[in-house]
N, C-alpha and C. Protein backbone atom coordinates (compact mmCIF):
# COMPACT_ATOMS: atom_id res chain seq x y z
N UNK A 1 4.06 -2.71 -6.04
CA UNK A 1 2.77 -2.15 -6.76
C UNK A 1 3.45 -0.76 -7.68
N UNK A 2 3.32 -0.72 -9.03
CA UNK A 2 4.32 0.11 -10.23
C UNK A 2 2.59 0.98 -10.15
N UNK A 3 3.00 2.44 -10.11
CA UNK A 3 1.53 3.37 -10.75
C UNK A 3 2.30 4.12 -11.65
N UNK A 4 1.90 4.31 -13.11
CA UNK A 4 2.56 4.88 -14.14
C UNK A 4 1.06 5.77 -14.66
N UNK A 5 1.74 6.46 -15.11
CA UNK A 5 1.00 7.22 -16.05
C UNK A 5 1.83 7.97 -17.68
N UNK A 6 1.32 6.90 -18.95
CA UNK A 6 1.86 7.23 -19.51
C UNK A 6 1.33 8.60 -20.61
N UNK A 7 2.00 8.61 -21.63
CA UNK A 7 2.29 10.26 -23.01
C UNK A 7 0.61 10.24 -22.78
N UNK A 8 -0.45 8.92 -23.09
CA UNK A 8 -1.74 9.72 -23.51
C UNK A 8 -2.44 9.66 -22.07
N UNK A 9 -2.07 9.19 -20.75
CA UNK A 9 -2.82 9.50 -20.07
C UNK A 9 -3.00 8.74 -19.46
N UNK A 10 -2.92 6.98 -19.19
CA UNK A 10 -3.47 6.02 -18.62
C UNK A 10 -2.84 5.39 -18.11
N UNK A 11 -3.49 4.73 -16.97
CA UNK A 11 -3.20 4.74 -15.94
C UNK A 11 -2.48 3.07 -15.66
N UNK A 12 -1.98 2.69 -15.27
CA UNK A 12 -1.39 1.18 -15.34
C UNK A 12 -1.20 0.71 -14.11
N UNK A 13 -1.18 -0.26 -13.61
CA UNK A 13 -1.12 -1.05 -12.20
C UNK A 13 -0.38 -2.10 -12.49
N UNK A 14 0.62 -2.72 -11.69
CA UNK A 14 1.61 -4.38 -11.88
C UNK A 14 1.75 -4.27 -10.60
N UNK A 15 1.33 -5.63 -10.10
CA UNK A 15 2.58 -6.00 -9.03
C UNK A 15 1.40 -5.56 -7.73
N UNK A 16 0.10 -5.21 -7.39
CA UNK A 16 -0.73 -4.50 -6.35
C UNK A 16 0.37 -5.58 -4.70
N UNK A 17 0.43 -4.73 -3.79
CA UNK A 17 0.99 -4.80 -3.08
C UNK A 17 -0.36 -5.15 -1.67
N UNK A 18 -0.89 -4.44 -2.01
CA UNK A 18 -1.99 -4.56 -1.18
C UNK A 18 -2.60 -5.77 -0.99
N UNK A 19 -2.72 -6.48 0.35
CA UNK A 19 -3.62 -7.70 1.01
C UNK A 19 -4.94 -7.12 1.23
N UNK A 20 -5.85 -5.87 0.79
CA UNK A 20 -6.77 -5.38 1.50
C UNK A 20 -7.19 -4.94 -0.31
N UNK A 21 -8.12 -5.29 -1.17
CA UNK A 21 -8.61 -5.06 -2.08
C UNK A 21 -9.45 -3.06 -2.08
N UNK A 22 -9.74 -2.97 -1.00
CA UNK A 22 -10.69 -1.71 -1.11
C UNK A 22 -9.63 -0.48 -0.92
N UNK A 23 -8.35 -1.20 -0.01
CA UNK A 23 -7.19 0.26 0.06
C UNK A 23 -6.29 0.34 -1.80
N UNK A 24 -6.81 -0.37 -2.14
CA UNK A 24 -6.31 -0.97 -3.83
C UNK A 24 -7.14 0.74 -4.25
N UNK A 25 -8.48 -0.19 -4.16
CA UNK A 25 -10.15 0.36 -4.88
C UNK A 25 -10.09 2.05 -4.37
N UNK A 26 -9.29 2.39 -3.05
CA UNK A 26 -9.96 3.30 -2.73
C UNK A 26 -8.35 4.31 -3.48
N UNK A 27 -7.28 4.33 -3.83
CA UNK A 27 -6.24 4.34 -4.14
C UNK A 27 -6.19 4.73 -5.84
N UNK A 28 -6.76 3.80 -6.59
CA UNK A 28 -6.99 3.95 -7.45
C UNK A 28 -8.09 4.68 -8.45
N UNK A 29 -9.23 5.11 -7.32
CA UNK A 29 -10.27 6.28 -7.65
C UNK A 29 -10.00 7.34 -7.59
N UNK A 30 -8.83 7.72 -6.22
CA UNK A 30 -8.01 9.26 -6.51
C UNK A 30 -7.17 9.54 -7.41
N UNK A 31 -6.51 8.52 -8.02
CA UNK A 31 -6.06 9.05 -9.18
C UNK A 31 -6.42 9.06 -10.20
N UNK A 32 -7.56 8.21 -10.67
CA UNK A 32 -8.49 8.54 -11.71
C UNK A 32 -8.88 9.72 -11.69
N UNK A 33 -9.74 10.49 -10.84
CA UNK A 33 -9.88 11.17 -10.88
C UNK A 33 -9.39 12.64 -10.75
N UNK A 34 -8.16 12.37 -10.00
CA UNK A 34 -6.93 13.42 -10.15
C UNK A 34 -6.38 13.69 -11.48
N UNK A 35 -6.45 12.33 -12.72
CA UNK A 35 -6.44 12.28 -14.30
C UNK A 35 -7.24 12.81 -14.69
N UNK A 36 -8.47 12.64 -14.64
CA UNK A 36 -9.47 13.73 -14.92
C UNK A 36 -9.47 14.85 -15.16
N UNK A 37 -8.93 15.43 -14.26
CA UNK A 37 -9.11 17.00 -13.41
C UNK A 37 -7.34 17.36 -14.08
N UNK A 38 -6.80 16.32 -14.91
CA UNK A 38 -5.28 16.62 -15.18
C UNK A 38 -4.56 17.50 -13.51
N UNK A 39 -4.31 16.31 -12.81
CA UNK A 39 -3.53 16.35 -11.34
C UNK A 39 -2.98 14.83 -11.47
N UNK A 40 -1.99 14.72 -10.77
CA UNK A 40 -1.13 13.83 -10.29
C UNK A 40 -0.72 13.95 -8.70
N UNK A 41 -0.25 13.05 -7.99
CA UNK A 41 0.29 12.79 -6.65
C UNK A 41 1.59 12.36 -7.09
N UNK A 42 2.62 13.27 -6.99
CA UNK A 42 4.20 13.31 -6.99
C UNK A 42 4.57 12.33 -5.81
N UNK A 43 4.51 11.16 -5.51
CA UNK A 43 4.87 10.47 -4.44
C UNK A 43 5.30 9.14 -4.72
N UNK A 44 6.60 8.73 -4.43
CA UNK A 44 6.78 7.15 -4.39
C UNK A 44 6.17 5.88 -4.54
N UNK A 45 5.86 5.22 -5.15
CA UNK A 45 4.73 4.01 -4.50
C UNK A 45 4.91 4.03 -3.34
N UNK A 46 6.18 3.37 -2.60
CA UNK A 46 5.84 3.06 -1.03
C UNK A 46 5.21 4.51 -0.41
N UNK A 47 4.78 5.42 -0.78
CA UNK A 47 4.83 6.79 -0.15
C UNK A 47 3.01 7.03 -0.24
N UNK A 48 2.70 6.22 -1.23
CA UNK A 48 1.31 5.75 -1.64
C UNK A 48 0.98 4.69 -0.78
N UNK A 49 1.20 4.06 -0.77
CA UNK A 49 1.05 2.62 -0.01
C UNK A 49 0.73 2.87 1.75
N UNK A 50 2.01 3.89 1.95
CA UNK A 50 1.94 4.12 3.94
C UNK A 50 0.81 5.13 3.86
N UNK A 51 0.31 5.81 2.99
CA UNK A 51 -0.95 6.98 2.92
C UNK A 51 -2.07 6.07 3.22
N UNK A 52 -2.33 5.36 2.20
CA UNK A 52 -3.63 4.36 2.45
C UNK A 52 -3.52 3.79 3.42
N UNK A 53 -2.46 2.39 4.08
CA UNK A 53 -2.44 2.23 5.04
C UNK A 53 -2.67 3.18 6.96
N UNK A 54 -1.89 4.15 6.59
CA UNK A 54 -2.30 5.49 7.03
C UNK A 54 -4.02 6.02 7.33
N UNK A 55 -4.61 5.77 6.18
CA UNK A 55 -5.80 6.35 6.12
C UNK A 55 -6.34 5.01 6.88
N UNK A 56 -6.66 4.16 6.28
CA UNK A 56 -7.52 2.67 6.62
C UNK A 56 -7.03 2.66 8.33
N UNK A 57 -6.18 2.51 8.61
CA UNK A 57 -5.82 2.24 9.85
C UNK A 57 -6.29 3.53 11.17
N UNK A 58 -6.88 4.56 10.44
CA UNK A 58 -7.24 6.14 11.51
C UNK A 58 -8.39 5.27 12.68
N UNK A 59 -7.89 6.16 13.32
CA UNK A 59 -8.91 6.09 14.26
C UNK A 59 -10.37 6.94 13.69
N UNK A 60 -12.00 6.68 14.06
CA UNK A 60 -13.01 7.04 12.66
C UNK A 60 -12.94 7.94 14.04
N UNK A 61 -13.06 8.03 15.03
CA UNK A 61 -13.73 9.19 16.11
C UNK A 61 -12.42 10.96 15.89
N UNK A 62 -11.76 10.30 14.85
CA UNK A 62 -11.01 11.58 14.47
C UNK A 62 -11.23 12.20 13.15
N UNK A 63 -11.84 11.28 12.89
CA UNK A 63 -12.71 11.68 11.15
C UNK A 63 -12.32 12.72 10.68
N UNK A 64 -12.30 14.05 11.44
CA UNK A 64 -12.27 15.58 10.52
C UNK A 64 -10.87 16.00 10.79
N UNK A 65 -10.07 15.38 11.99
CA UNK A 65 -8.75 15.71 11.89
C UNK A 65 -8.36 14.94 10.66
N UNK A 66 -8.59 13.46 10.27
CA UNK A 66 -8.41 12.67 9.19
C UNK A 66 -7.89 13.33 7.78
N UNK A 67 -9.42 13.90 7.65
CA UNK A 67 -9.96 14.04 6.67
C UNK A 67 -9.25 15.85 6.22
N UNK A 68 -8.67 16.18 7.06
CA UNK A 68 -7.99 17.53 6.94
C UNK A 68 -6.73 17.53 6.70
N UNK A 69 -6.20 16.33 7.27
CA UNK A 69 -4.48 15.76 7.38
C UNK A 69 -4.39 14.90 5.89
N UNK A 70 -5.48 14.58 5.15
CA UNK A 70 -5.25 13.83 3.95
C UNK A 70 -5.43 14.91 2.76
N UNK A 71 -6.30 16.18 2.77
CA UNK A 71 -6.43 17.25 2.38
C UNK A 71 -4.59 18.12 2.17
N UNK A 72 -4.43 18.03 3.47
CA UNK A 72 -3.07 18.92 3.31
C UNK A 72 -1.76 17.93 2.70
N UNK A 73 -1.68 16.41 3.06
CA UNK A 73 -1.00 15.56 2.36
C UNK A 73 -1.04 15.91 0.43
N UNK A 74 -2.16 15.59 0.33
CA UNK A 74 -2.64 15.70 -1.42
C UNK A 74 -1.92 17.08 -1.75
N UNK A 75 -2.52 17.87 -1.33
CA UNK A 75 -1.69 19.96 -1.36
C UNK A 75 -0.73 19.33 -1.75
N UNK A 76 0.13 18.83 -1.17
CA UNK A 76 1.71 18.89 -0.93
C UNK A 76 1.92 18.20 -2.25
N UNK A 77 1.24 17.54 -2.57
CA UNK A 77 2.14 16.42 -3.07
C UNK A 77 1.13 16.54 -4.71
N UNK A 78 0.31 17.34 -4.67
CA UNK A 78 -0.40 17.63 -6.17
C UNK A 78 0.23 18.37 -6.99
N UNK A 79 0.50 17.89 -8.39
CA UNK A 79 1.17 18.46 -9.52
C UNK A 79 0.56 18.14 -10.65
N UNK A 80 0.83 19.38 -11.99
CA UNK A 80 -0.55 18.98 -13.10
C UNK A 80 0.48 18.09 -13.88
N UNK A 81 -0.49 17.60 -14.49
CA UNK A 81 -0.26 16.51 -15.87
C UNK A 81 0.51 17.70 -16.68
N UNK A 82 1.52 17.16 -17.12
CA UNK A 82 2.27 17.67 -18.41
C UNK A 82 1.72 17.32 -19.64
N UNK A 83 1.19 18.06 -20.46
CA UNK A 83 0.53 17.50 -21.49
C UNK A 83 1.94 18.07 -22.61
């Protein structure tokens, strides 16, 4: 999967690696939300893929801990979009 943002801040997706489209839609939603707020996640494709798979395979009874970890991971990788 290639996710890039061009100078006009449009997302481009090519060759999705996800077998389950729900994970792809969830990641797309996150990236669109961040873009609308002039933010981006600085991570390579494999990190984003692993992050999505980890969330999807997390244990439901640990929801609060998983949400907390998601927040921390996003904060670590969050960068402003340079205009």
